Amino acid sequence: EDALLPLRRADTVWKMSYPKFPLYRRAHVWLLFCYLELGRLDDARAEW
């Protein structure tokens, strides 16, 4: 749960830095992992 906010921040800052490539893969991979470990499958599916 604690990891979610900084990972989302990483994606936001990436979008601001690289607007032509607006998705930061590494952050979304670890968001997917966190949602899997939390059992939040709908959120995990969205990240995937």
ModelCIF file with pLDDT and N, C-alpha, C, O atoms, coordinates in Angstrom:
data_MODEL
#
_entry.id   MODEL 
#
_entity.id                         1 
_entity.type                       polymer 
_entity.pdbx_number_of_molecules   1 
#
_entity_poly.entity_id                      1 
_entity_poly.type                           'polypeptide(L)' 
_entity_poly.nstd_linkage                   no 
_entity_poly.nstd_monomer                   no 
_entity_poly.pdbx_seq_one_letter_code       EDALLPLRRADTVWKMSYPKFPLYRRAHVWLLFCYLELGRLDDARAEW 
_entity_poly.pdbx_seq_one_letter_code_can   EDALLPLRRADTVWKMSYPKFPLYRRAHVWLLFCYLELGRLDDARAEW 
_entity_poly.pdbx_strand_id                 A 
#
loop_
_entity_poly_seq.entity_id 
_entity_poly_seq.num 
_entity_poly_seq.mon_id 
_entity_poly_seq.hetero 
1 1  GLU n 
1 2  ASP n 
1 3  ALA n 
1 4  LEU n 
1 5  LEU n 
1 6  PRO n 
1 7  LEU n 
1 8  ARG n 
1 9  ARG n 
1 10 ALA n 
1 11 ASP n 
1 12 THR n 
1 13 VAL n 
1 14 TRP n 
1 15 LYS n 
1 16 MET n 
1 17 SER n 
1 18 TYR n 
1 19 PRO n 
1 20 LYS n 
1 21 PHE n 
1 22 PRO n 
1 23 LEU n 
1 24 TYR n 
1 25 ARG n 
1 26 ARG n 
1 27 ALA n 
1 28 HIS n 
1 29 VAL n 
1 30 TRP n 
1 31 LEU n 
1 32 LEU n 
1 33 PHE n 
1 34 CYS n 
1 35 TYR n 
1 36 LEU n 
1 37 GLU n 
1 38 LEU n 
1 39 GLY n 
1 40 ARG n 
1 41 LEU n 
1 42 ASP n 
1 43 ASP n 
1 44 ALA n 
1 45 ARG n 
1 46 ALA n 
1 47 GLU n 
1 48 TRP n 
#
_struct_asym.id          A 
_struct_asym.entity_id   1 
#
loop_
_ma_qa_metric.id 
_ma_qa_metric.mode 
_ma_qa_metric.name 
_ma_qa_metric.software_group_id 
_ma_qa_metric.type 
1 global pLDDT . pLDDT 
2 local  pLDDT . pLDDT 
#
_ma_qa_metric_global.metric_id      1 
_ma_qa_metric_global.metric_value   95.62 
_ma_qa_metric_global.model_id       1 
_ma_qa_metric_global.ordinal_id     1 
#
loop_
_ma_qa_metric_local.label_asym_id 
_ma_qa_metric_local.label_comp_id 
_ma_qa_metric_local.label_seq_id 
_ma_qa_metric_local.metric_id 
_ma_qa_metric_local.metric_value 
_ma_qa_metric_local.model_id 
_ma_qa_metric_local.ordinal_id 
A GLU 1  2 98.00 1 1  
A ASP 2  2 98.00 1 2  
A ALA 3  2 98.00 1 3  
A LEU 4  2 98.00 1 4  
A LEU 5  2 98.00 1 5  
A PRO 6  2 98.00 1 6  
A LEU 7  2 98.00 1 7  
A ARG 8  2 98.00 1 8  
A ARG 9  2 98.00 1 9  
A ALA 10 2 98.00 1 10 
A ASP 11 2 96.00 1 11 
A THR 12 2 97.00 1 12 
A VAL 13 2 97.00 1 13 
A TRP 14 2 96.00 1 14 
A LYS 15 2 95.00 1 15 
A MET 16 2 95.00 1 16 
A SER 17 2 94.00 1 17 
A TYR 18 2 93.00 1 18 
A PRO 19 2 91.00 1 19 
A LYS 20 2 88.00 1 20 
A PHE 21 2 86.00 1 21 
A PRO 22 2 82.00 1 22 
A LEU 23 2 87.00 1 23 
A TYR 24 2 92.00 1 24 
A ARG 25 2 92.00 1 25 
A ARG 26 2 94.00 1 26 
A ALA 27 2 96.00 1 27 
A HIS 28 2 96.00 1 28 
A VAL 29 2 96.00 1 29 
A TRP 30 2 97.00 1 30 
A LEU 31 2 98.00 1 31 
A LEU 32 2 98.00 1 32 
A PHE 33 2 98.00 1 33 
A CYS 34 2 98.00 1 34 
A TYR 35 2 98.00 1 35 
A LEU 36 2 97.00 1 36 
A GLU 37 2 96.00 1 37 
A LEU 38 2 97.00 1 38 
A GLY 39 2 96.00 1 39 
A ARG 40 2 98.00 1 40 
A LEU 41 2 97.00 1 41 
A ASP 42 2 98.00 1 42 
A ASP 43 2 98.00 1 43 
A ALA 44 2 98.00 1 44 
A ARG 45 2 97.00 1 45 
A ALA 46 2 97.00 1 46 
A GLU 47 2 96.00 1 47 
A TRP 48 2 95.00 1 48 
#
loop_
_atom_site.group_PDB 
_atom_site.id 
_atom_site.type_symbol 
_atom_site.label_atom_id 
_atom_site.label_alt_id 
_atom_site.label_comp_id 
_atom_site.label_asym_id 
_atom_site.label_entity_id 
_atom_site.label_seq_id 
_atom_site.pdbx_PDB_ins_code 
_atom_site.Cartn_x 
_atom_site.Cartn_y 
_atom_site.Cartn_z 
_atom_site.occupancy 
_atom_site.B_iso_or_equiv 
_atom_site.pdbx_formal_charge 
_atom_site.auth_seq_id 
_atom_site.auth_comp_id 
_atom_site.auth_asym_id 
_atom_site.auth_atom_id 
_atom_site.pdbx_PDB_model_num 
ATOM 1   N N  . GLU A 1 1  ? 0.829  -1.204  0.000   1.00 98.00 ? 1  GLU A N  1 
ATOM 2   C CA . GLU A 1 1  ? 0.000  0.000   0.000   1.00 98.00 ? 1  GLU A CA 1 
ATOM 3   C C  . GLU A 1 1  ? 0.862  1.251   0.000   1.00 98.00 ? 1  GLU A C  1 
ATOM 4   O O  . GLU A 1 1  ? 0.570  2.210   -0.715  1.00 98.00 ? 1  GLU A O  1 
ATOM 5   N N  . ASP A 1 2  ? 1.924  1.247   0.800   1.00 98.00 ? 2  ASP A N  1 
ATOM 6   C CA . ASP A 1 2  ? 2.810  2.403   0.881   1.00 98.00 ? 2  ASP A CA 1 
ATOM 7   C C  . ASP A 1 2  ? 3.513  2.663   -0.446  1.00 98.00 ? 2  ASP A C  1 
ATOM 8   O O  . ASP A 1 2  ? 3.863  3.802   -0.755  1.00 98.00 ? 2  ASP A O  1 
ATOM 9   N N  . ALA A 1 3  ? 3.720  1.611   -1.225  1.00 98.00 ? 3  ALA A N  1 
ATOM 10  C CA . ALA A 1 3  ? 4.468  1.745   -2.479  1.00 98.00 ? 3  ALA A CA 1 
ATOM 11  C C  . ALA A 1 3  ? 3.650  2.407   -3.584  1.00 98.00 ? 3  ALA A C  1 
ATOM 12  O O  . ALA A 1 3  ? 4.223  2.947   -4.531  1.00 98.00 ? 3  ALA A O  1 
ATOM 13  N N  . LEU A 1 4  ? 2.344  2.376   -3.483  1.00 98.00 ? 4  LEU A N  1 
ATOM 14  C CA . LEU A 1 4  ? 1.506  2.829   -4.591  1.00 98.00 ? 4  LEU A CA 1 
ATOM 15  C C  . LEU A 1 4  ? 1.720  4.300   -4.923  1.00 98.00 ? 4  LEU A C  1 
ATOM 16  O O  . LEU A 1 4  ? 1.848  4.656   -6.095  1.00 98.00 ? 4  LEU A O  1 
ATOM 17  N N  . LEU A 1 5  ? 1.760  5.158   -3.907  1.00 98.00 ? 5  LEU A N  1 
ATOM 18  C CA . LEU A 1 5  ? 1.860  6.600   -4.165  1.00 98.00 ? 5  LEU A CA 1 
ATOM 19  C C  . LEU A 1 5  ? 3.160  6.976   -4.854  1.00 98.00 ? 5  LEU A C  1 
ATOM 20  O O  . LEU A 1 5  ? 3.109  7.660   -5.876  1.00 98.00 ? 5  LEU A O  1 
ATOM 21  N N  . PRO A 1 6  ? 4.339  6.567   -4.351  1.00 98.00 ? 6  PRO A N  1 
ATOM 22  C CA . PRO A 1 6  ? 5.560  6.949   -5.072  1.00 98.00 ? 6  PRO A CA 1 
ATOM 23  C C  . PRO A 1 6  ? 5.643  6.360   -6.472  1.00 98.00 ? 6  PRO A C  1 
ATOM 24  O O  . PRO A 1 6  ? 6.221  6.985   -7.362  1.00 98.00 ? 6  PRO A O  1 
ATOM 25  N N  . LEU A 1 7  ? 5.083  5.180   -6.691  1.00 98.00 ? 7  LEU A N  1 
ATOM 26  C CA . LEU A 1 7  ? 5.087  4.617   -8.041  1.00 98.00 ? 7  LEU A CA 1 
ATOM 27  C C  . LEU A 1 7  ? 4.211  5.448   -8.976  1.00 98.00 ? 7  LEU A C  1 
ATOM 28  O O  . LEU A 1 7  ? 4.572  5.675   -10.131 1.00 98.00 ? 7  LEU A O  1 
ATOM 29  N N  . ARG A 1 8  ? 3.072  5.896   -8.481  1.00 98.00 ? 8  ARG A N  1 
ATOM 30  C CA . ARG A 1 8  ? 2.209  6.739   -9.310  1.00 98.00 ? 8  ARG A CA 1 
ATOM 31  C C  . ARG A 1 8  ? 2.855  8.105   -9.545  1.00 98.00 ? 8  ARG A C  1 
ATOM 32  O O  . ARG A 1 8  ? 2.714  8.691   -10.618 1.00 98.00 ? 8  ARG A O  1 
ATOM 33  N N  . ARG A 1 9  ? 3.570  8.607   -8.523  1.00 98.00 ? 9  ARG A N  1 
ATOM 34  C CA . ARG A 1 9  ? 4.301  9.861   -8.698  1.00 98.00 ? 9  ARG A CA 1 
ATOM 35  C C  . ARG A 1 9  ? 5.358  9.719   -9.789  1.00 98.00 ? 9  ARG A C  1 
ATOM 36  O O  . ARG A 1 9  ? 5.537  10.616  -10.613 1.00 98.00 ? 9  ARG A O  1 
ATOM 37  N N  . ALA A 1 10 ? 6.050  8.592   -9.786  1.00 98.00 ? 10 ALA A N  1 
ATOM 38  C CA . ALA A 1 10 ? 7.077  8.347   -10.802 1.00 98.00 ? 10 ALA A CA 1 
ATOM 39  C C  . ALA A 1 10 ? 6.475  8.431   -12.196 1.00 98.00 ? 10 ALA A C  1 
ATOM 40  O O  . ALA A 1 10 ? 7.069  9.021   -13.098 1.00 98.00 ? 10 ALA A O  1 
ATOM 41  N N  . ASP A 1 11 ? 5.292  7.839   -12.375 1.00 96.00 ? 11 ASP A N  1 
ATOM 42  C CA . ASP A 1 11 ? 4.640  7.867   -13.673 1.00 96.00 ? 11 ASP A CA 1 
ATOM 43  C C  . ASP A 1 11 ? 4.226  9.280   -14.052 1.00 96.00 ? 11 ASP A C  1 
ATOM 44  O O  . ASP A 1 11 ? 4.341  9.673   -15.213 1.00 96.00 ? 11 ASP A O  1 
ATOM 45  N N  . THR A 1 12 ? 3.743  10.045  -13.074 1.00 97.00 ? 12 THR A N  1 
ATOM 46  C CA . THR A 1 12 ? 3.324  11.432  -13.331 1.00 97.00 ? 12 THR A CA 1 
ATOM 47  C C  . THR A 1 12 ? 4.505  12.294  -13.754 1.00 97.00 ? 12 THR A C  1 
ATOM 48  O O  . THR A 1 12 ? 4.416  13.059  -14.715 1.00 97.00 ? 12 THR A O  1 
ATOM 49  N N  . VAL A 1 13 ? 5.618  12.162  -13.022 1.00 97.00 ? 13 VAL A N  1 
ATOM 50  C CA . VAL A 1 13 ? 6.807  12.956  -13.351 1.00 97.00 ? 13 VAL A CA 1 
ATOM 51  C C  . VAL A 1 13 ? 7.358  12.553  -14.709 1.00 97.00 ? 13 VAL A C  1 
ATOM 52  O O  . VAL A 1 13 ? 7.818  13.403  -15.472 1.00 97.00 ? 13 VAL A O  1 
ATOM 53  N N  . TRP A 1 14 ? 7.314  11.253  -15.016 1.00 96.00 ? 14 TRP A N  1 
ATOM 54  C CA . TRP A 1 14 ? 7.751  10.780  -16.329 1.00 96.00 ? 14 TRP A CA 1 
ATOM 55  C C  . TRP A 1 14 ? 6.926  11.454  -17.429 1.00 96.00 ? 14 TRP A C  1 
ATOM 56  O O  . TRP A 1 14 ? 7.484  11.923  -18.421 1.00 96.00 ? 14 TRP A O  1 
ATOM 57  N N  . LYS A 1 15 ? 5.601  11.505  -17.258 1.00 95.00 ? 15 LYS A N  1 
ATOM 58  C CA . LYS A 1 15 ? 4.724  12.111  -18.262 1.00 95.00 ? 15 LYS A CA 1 
ATOM 59  C C  . LYS A 1 15 ? 5.072  13.579  -18.477 1.00 95.00 ? 15 LYS A C  1 
ATOM 60  O O  . LYS A 1 15 ? 5.030  14.080  -19.601 1.00 95.00 ? 15 LYS A O  1 
ATOM 61  N N  . MET A 1 16 ? 5.414  14.261  -17.387 1.00 95.00 ? 16 MET A N  1 
ATOM 62  C CA . MET A 1 16 ? 5.789  15.673  -17.495 1.00 95.00 ? 16 MET A CA 1 
ATOM 63  C C  . MET A 1 16 ? 7.126  15.831  -18.222 1.00 95.00 ? 16 MET A C  1 
ATOM 64  O O  . MET A 1 16 ? 7.337  16.814  -18.933 1.00 95.00 ? 16 MET A O  1 
ATOM 65  N N  . SER A 1 17 ? 8.024  14.865  -18.042 1.00 94.00 ? 17 SER A N  1 
ATOM 66  C CA . SER A 1 17 ? 9.356  14.954  -18.646 1.00 94.00 ? 17 SER A CA 1 
ATOM 67  C C  . SER A 1 17 ? 9.361  14.482  -20.094 1.00 94.00 ? 17 SER A C  1 
ATOM 68  O O  . SER A 1 17 ? 10.107 15.003  -20.922 1.00 94.00 ? 17 SER A O  1 
ATOM 69  N N  . TYR A 1 18 ? 8.517  13.482  -20.397 1.00 93.00 ? 18 TYR A N  1 
ATOM 70  C CA . TYR A 1 18 ? 8.502  12.885  -21.737 1.00 93.00 ? 18 TYR A CA 1 
ATOM 71  C C  . TYR A 1 18 ? 7.065  12.800  -22.245 1.00 93.00 ? 18 TYR A C  1 
ATOM 72  O O  . TYR A 1 18 ? 6.500  11.709  -22.324 1.00 93.00 ? 18 TYR A O  1 
ATOM 73  N N  . PRO A 1 19 ? 6.474  13.932  -22.587 1.00 91.00 ? 19 PRO A N  1 
ATOM 74  C CA . PRO A 1 19 ? 5.062  13.920  -23.005 1.00 91.00 ? 19 PRO A CA 1 
ATOM 75  C C  . PRO A 1 19 ? 4.788  13.105  -24.263 1.00 91.00 ? 19 PRO A C  1 
ATOM 76  O O  . PRO A 1 19 ? 3.653  12.687  -24.494 1.00 91.00 ? 19 PRO A O  1 
ATOM 77  N N  . LYS A 1 20 ? 5.822  12.874  -25.080 1.00 88.00 ? 20 LYS A N  1 
ATOM 78  C CA . LYS A 1 20 ? 5.615  12.063  -26.282 1.00 88.00 ? 20 LYS A CA 1 
ATOM 79  C C  . LYS A 1 20 ? 5.558  10.570  -25.962 1.00 88.00 ? 20 LYS A C  1 
ATOM 80  O O  . LYS A 1 20 ? 5.060  9.773   -26.757 1.00 88.00 ? 20 LYS A O  1 
ATOM 81  N N  . PHE A 1 21 ? 6.068  10.208  -24.802 1.00 86.00 ? 21 PHE A N  1 
ATOM 82  C CA . PHE A 1 21 ? 6.061  8.801   -24.365 1.00 86.00 ? 21 PHE A CA 1 
ATOM 83  C C  . PHE A 1 21 ? 5.464  8.756   -22.957 1.00 86.00 ? 21 PHE A C  1 
ATOM 84  O O  . PHE A 1 21 ? 6.195  8.595   -21.980 1.00 86.00 ? 21 PHE A O  1 
ATOM 85  N N  . PRO A 1 22 ? 4.152  8.896   -22.850 1.00 82.00 ? 22 PRO A N  1 
ATOM 86  C CA . PRO A 1 22 ? 3.532  9.234   -21.562 1.00 82.00 ? 22 PRO A CA 1 
ATOM 87  C C  . PRO A 1 22 ? 3.366  8.120   -20.538 1.00 82.00 ? 22 PRO A C  1 
ATOM 88  O O  . PRO A 1 22 ? 2.707  8.335   -19.521 1.00 82.00 ? 22 PRO A O  1 
ATOM 89  N N  . LEU A 1 23 ? 3.936  6.941   -20.762 1.00 87.00 ? 23 LEU A N  1 
ATOM 90  C CA . LEU A 1 23 ? 3.758  5.845   -19.811 1.00 87.00 ? 23 LEU A CA 1 
ATOM 91  C C  . LEU A 1 23 ? 5.118  5.318   -19.367 1.00 87.00 ? 23 LEU A C  1 
ATOM 92  O O  . LEU A 1 23 ? 5.945  4.933   -20.193 1.00 87.00 ? 23 LEU A O  1 
ATOM 93  N N  . TYR A 1 24 ? 5.337  5.303   -18.074 1.00 92.00 ? 24 TYR A N  1 
ATOM 94  C CA . TYR A 1 24 ? 6.602  4.839   -17.512 1.00 92.00 ? 24 TYR A CA 1 
ATOM 95  C C  . TYR A 1 24 ? 6.461  3.364   -17.171 1.00 92.00 ? 24 TYR A C  1 
ATOM 96  O O  . TYR A 1 24 ? 5.849  3.002   -16.166 1.00 92.00 ? 24 TYR A O  1 
ATOM 97  N N  . ARG A 1 25 ? 7.025  2.529   -18.008 1.00 92.00 ? 25 ARG A N  1 
ATOM 98  C CA . ARG A 1 25 ? 6.823  1.083   -17.905 1.00 92.00 ? 25 ARG A CA 1 
ATOM 99  C C  . ARG A 1 25 ? 7.194  0.542   -16.525 1.00 92.00 ? 25 ARG A C  1 
ATOM 100 O O  . ARG A 1 25 ? 6.430  -0.215  -15.927 1.00 92.00 ? 25 ARG A O  1 
ATOM 101 N N  . ARG A 1 26 ? 8.370  0.931   -16.018 1.00 94.00 ? 26 ARG A N  1 
ATOM 102 C CA . ARG A 1 26 ? 8.853  0.331   -14.780 1.00 94.00 ? 26 ARG A CA 1 
ATOM 103 C C  . ARG A 1 26 ? 7.880  0.586   -13.630 1.00 94.00 ? 26 ARG A C  1 
ATOM 104 O O  . ARG A 1 26 ? 7.631  -0.308  -12.821 1.00 94.00 ? 26 ARG A O  1 
ATOM 105 N N  . ALA A 1 27 ? 7.337  1.782   -13.552 1.00 96.00 ? 27 ALA A N  1 
ATOM 106 C CA . ALA A 1 27 ? 6.391  2.090   -12.479 1.00 96.00 ? 27 ALA A CA 1 
ATOM 107 C C  . ALA A 1 27 ? 5.139  1.232   -12.598 1.00 96.00 ? 27 ALA A C  1 
ATOM 108 O O  . ALA A 1 27 ? 4.629  0.737   -11.593 1.00 96.00 ? 27 ALA A O  1 
ATOM 109 N N  . HIS A 1 28 ? 4.642  1.054   -13.814 1.00 96.00 ? 28 HIS A N  1 
ATOM 110 C CA . HIS A 1 28 ? 3.425  0.263   -13.998 1.00 96.00 ? 28 HIS A CA 1 
ATOM 111 C C  . HIS A 1 28 ? 3.663  -1.221  -13.726 1.00 96.00 ? 28 HIS A C  1 
ATOM 112 O O  . HIS A 1 28 ? 2.765  -1.913  -13.249 1.00 96.00 ? 28 HIS A O  1 
ATOM 113 N N  . VAL A 1 29 ? 4.858  -1.711  -14.024 1.00 96.00 ? 29 VAL A N  1 
ATOM 114 C CA . VAL A 1 29 ? 5.179  -3.110  -13.713 1.00 96.00 ? 29 VAL A CA 1 
ATOM 115 C C  . VAL A 1 29 ? 5.110  -3.343  -12.207 1.00 96.00 ? 29 VAL A C  1 
ATOM 116 O O  . VAL A 1 29 ? 4.568  -4.352  -11.754 1.00 96.00 ? 29 VAL A O  1 
ATOM 117 N N  . TRP A 1 30 ? 5.660  -2.408  -11.432 1.00 97.00 ? 30 TRP A N  1 
ATOM 118 C CA . TRP A 1 30 ? 5.653  -2.588  -9.981  1.00 97.00 ? 30 TRP A CA 1 
ATOM 119 C C  . TRP A 1 30 ? 4.290  -2.284  -9.367  1.00 97.00 ? 30 TRP A C  1 
ATOM 120 O O  . TRP A 1 30 ? 3.952  -2.827  -8.316  1.00 97.00 ? 30 TRP A O  1 
ATOM 121 N N  . LEU A 1 31 ? 3.507  -1.424  -10.009 1.00 98.00 ? 31 LEU A N  1 
ATOM 122 C CA . LEU A 1 31 ? 2.118  -1.247  -9.574  1.00 98.00 ? 31 LEU A CA 1 
ATOM 123 C C  . LEU A 1 31 ? 1.341  -2.544  -9.780  1.00 98.00 ? 31 LEU A C  1 
ATOM 124 O O  . LEU A 1 31 ? 0.550  -2.943  -8.925  1.00 98.00 ? 31 LEU A O  1 
ATOM 125 N N  . LEU A 1 32 ? 1.567  -3.195  -10.910 1.00 98.00 ? 32 LEU A N  1 
ATOM 126 C CA . LEU A 1 32 ? 0.944  -4.493  -11.177 1.00 98.00 ? 32 LEU A CA 1 
ATOM 127 C C  . LEU A 1 32 ? 1.315  -5.488  -10.084 1.00 98.00 ? 32 LEU A C  1 
ATOM 128 O O  . LEU A 1 32 ? 0.450  -6.203  -9.578  1.00 98.00 ? 32 LEU A O  1 
ATOM 129 N N  . PHE A 1 33 ? 2.580  -5.540  -9.719  1.00 98.00 ? 33 PHE A N  1 
ATOM 130 C CA . PHE A 1 33 ? 3.041  -6.450  -8.673  1.00 98.00 ? 33 PHE A CA 1 
ATOM 131 C C  . PHE A 1 33 ? 2.341  -6.151  -7.346  1.00 98.00 ? 33 PHE A C  1 
ATOM 132 O O  . PHE A 1 33 ? 1.848  -7.063  -6.681  1.00 98.00 ? 33 PHE A O  1 
ATOM 133 N N  . CYS A 1 34 ? 2.299  -4.879  -6.966  1.00 98.00 ? 34 CYS A N  1 
ATOM 134 C CA . CYS A 1 34 ? 1.677  -4.520  -5.694  1.00 98.00 ? 34 CYS A CA 1 
ATOM 135 C C  . CYS A 1 34 ? 0.210  -4.915  -5.648  1.00 98.00 ? 34 CYS A C  1 
ATOM 136 O O  . CYS A 1 34 ? -0.255 -5.449  -4.641  1.00 98.00 ? 34 CYS A O  1 
ATOM 137 N N  . TYR A 1 35 ? -0.522 -4.660  -6.722  1.00 98.00 ? 35 TYR A N  1 
ATOM 138 C CA . TYR A 1 35 ? -1.940 -5.007  -6.743  1.00 98.00 ? 35 TYR A CA 1 
ATOM 139 C C  . TYR A 1 35 ? -2.135 -6.528  -6.692  1.00 98.00 ? 35 TYR A C  1 
ATOM 140 O O  . TYR A 1 35 ? -3.096 -7.011  -6.094  1.00 98.00 ? 35 TYR A O  1 
ATOM 141 N N  . LEU A 1 36 ? -1.228 -7.277  -7.315  1.00 97.00 ? 36 LEU A N  1 
ATOM 142 C CA . LEU A 1 36 ? -1.297 -8.734  -7.219  1.00 97.00 ? 36 LEU A CA 1 
ATOM 143 C C  . LEU A 1 36 ? -1.112 -9.181  -5.772  1.00 97.00 ? 36 LEU A C  1 
ATOM 144 O O  . LEU A 1 36 ? -1.863 -10.021 -5.276  1.00 97.00 ? 36 LEU A O  1 
ATOM 145 N N  . GLU A 1 37 ? -0.116 -8.622  -5.101  1.00 96.00 ? 37 GLU A N  1 
ATOM 146 C CA . GLU A 1 37 ? 0.152  -9.010  -3.723  1.00 96.00 ? 37 GLU A CA 1 
ATOM 147 C C  . GLU A 1 37 ? -0.982 -8.584  -2.795  1.00 96.00 ? 37 GLU A C  1 
ATOM 148 O O  . GLU A 1 37 ? -1.236 -9.245  -1.788  1.00 96.00 ? 37 GLU A O  1 
ATOM 149 N N  . LEU A 1 38 ? -1.663 -7.491  -3.122  1.00 97.00 ? 38 LEU A N  1 
ATOM 150 C CA . LEU A 1 38 ? -2.784 -7.008  -2.315  1.00 97.00 ? 38 LEU A CA 1 
ATOM 151 C C  . LEU A 1 38 ? -4.088 -7.732  -2.645  1.00 97.00 ? 38 LEU A C  1 
ATOM 152 O O  . LEU A 1 38 ? -5.083 -7.566  -1.940  1.00 97.00 ? 38 LEU A O  1 
ATOM 153 N N  . GLY A 1 39 ? -4.091 -8.530  -3.707  1.00 96.00 ? 39 GLY A N  1 
ATOM 154 C CA . GLY A 1 39 ? -5.311 -9.229  -4.110  1.00 96.00 ? 39 GLY A CA 1 
ATOM 155 C C  . GLY A 1 39 ? -6.320 -8.333  -4.804  1.00 96.00 ? 39 GLY A C  1 
ATOM 156 O O  . GLY A 1 39 ? -7.492 -8.693  -4.908  1.00 96.00 ? 39 GLY A O  1 
ATOM 157 N N  . ARG A 1 40 ? -5.889 -7.171  -5.282  1.00 98.00 ? 40 ARG A N  1 
ATOM 158 C CA . ARG A 1 40 ? -6.781 -6.229  -5.971  1.00 98.00 ? 40 ARG A CA 1 
ATOM 159 C C  . ARG A 1 40 ? -6.704 -6.512  -7.474  1.00 98.00 ? 40 ARG A C  1 
ATOM 160 O O  . ARG A 1 40 ? -5.999 -5.828  -8.216  1.00 98.00 ? 40 ARG A O  1 
ATOM 161 N N  . LEU A 1 41 ? -7.440 -7.527  -7.897  1.00 97.00 ? 41 LEU A N  1 
ATOM 162 C CA . LEU A 1 41 ? -7.268 -8.029  -9.245  1.00 97.00 ? 41 LEU A CA 1 
ATOM 163 C C  . LEU A 1 41 ? -7.789 -7.078  -10.312 1.00 97.00 ? 41 LEU A C  1 
ATOM 164 O O  . LEU A 1 41 ? -7.248 -7.048  -11.417 1.00 97.00 ? 41 LEU A O  1 
ATOM 165 N N  . ASP A 1 42 ? -8.830 -6.298  -10.009 1.00 98.00 ? 42 ASP A N  1 
ATOM 166 C CA . ASP A 1 42 ? -9.315 -5.336  -11.001 1.00 98.00 ? 42 ASP A CA 1 
ATOM 167 C C  . ASP A 1 42 ? -8.255 -4.276  -11.281 1.00 98.00 ? 42 ASP A C  1 
ATOM 168 O O  . ASP A 1 42 ? -8.023 -3.903  -12.431 1.00 98.00 ? 42 ASP A O  1 
ATOM 169 N N  . ASP A 1 43 ? -7.611 -3.795  -10.213 1.00 98.00 ? 43 ASP A N  1 
ATOM 170 C CA . ASP A 1 43 ? -6.539 -2.816  -10.398 1.00 98.00 ? 43 ASP A CA 1 
ATOM 171 C C  . ASP A 1 43 ? -5.350 -3.449  -11.112 1.00 98.00 ? 43 ASP A C  1 
ATOM 172 O O  . ASP A 1 43 ? -4.725 -2.818  -11.964 1.00 98.00 ? 43 ASP A O  1 
ATOM 173 N N  . ALA A 1 44 ? -5.040 -4.687  -10.766 1.00 98.00 ? 44 ALA A N  1 
ATOM 174 C CA . ALA A 1 44 ? -3.939 -5.391  -11.427 1.00 98.00 ? 44 ALA A CA 1 
ATOM 175 C C  . ALA A 1 44 ? -4.227 -5.555  -12.911 1.00 98.00 ? 44 ALA A C  1 
ATOM 176 O O  . ALA A 1 44 ? -3.340 -5.391  -13.748 1.00 98.00 ? 44 ALA A O  1 
ATOM 177 N N  . ARG A 1 45 ? -5.466 -5.878  -13.226 1.00 97.00 ? 45 ARG A N  1 
ATOM 178 C CA . ARG A 1 45 ? -5.844 -6.055  -14.629 1.00 97.00 ? 45 ARG A CA 1 
ATOM 179 C C  . ARG A 1 45 ? -5.684 -4.739  -15.396 1.00 97.00 ? 45 ARG A C  1 
ATOM 180 O O  . ARG A 1 45 ? -5.220 -4.730  -16.536 1.00 97.00 ? 45 ARG A O  1 
ATOM 181 N N  . ALA A 1 46 ? -6.071 -3.629  -14.761 1.00 97.00 ? 46 ALA A N  1 
ATOM 182 C CA . ALA A 1 46 ? -5.924 -2.322  -15.415 1.00 97.00 ? 46 ALA A CA 1 
ATOM 183 C C  . ALA A 1 46 ? -4.455 -1.994  -15.669 1.00 97.00 ? 46 ALA A C  1 
ATOM 184 O O  . ALA A 1 46 ? -4.103 -1.466  -16.723 1.00 97.00 ? 46 ALA A O  1 
ATOM 185 N N  . GLU A 1 47 ? -3.605 -2.309  -14.697 1.00 96.00 ? 47 GLU A N  1 
ATOM 186 C CA . GLU A 1 47 ? -2.171 -2.062  -14.878 1.00 96.00 ? 47 GLU A CA 1 
ATOM 187 C C  . GLU A 1 47 ? -1.595 -2.946  -15.978 1.00 96.00 ? 47 GLU A C  1 
ATOM 188 O O  . GLU A 1 47 ? -0.755 -2.498  -16.760 1.00 96.00 ? 47 GLU A O  1 
ATOM 189 N N  . TRP A 1 48 ? -2.037 -4.185  -16.042 1.00 95.00 ? 48 TRP A N  1 
ATOM 190 C CA . TRP A 1 48 ? -1.520 -5.089  -17.064 1.00 95.00 ? 48 TRP A CA 1 
ATOM 191 C C  . TRP A 1 48 ? -1.905 -4.604  -18.462 1.00 95.00 ? 48 TRP A C  1 
ATOM 192 O O  . TRP A 1 48 ? -1.555 -5.243  -19.455 1.00 95.00 ? 48 TRP A O  1 
#
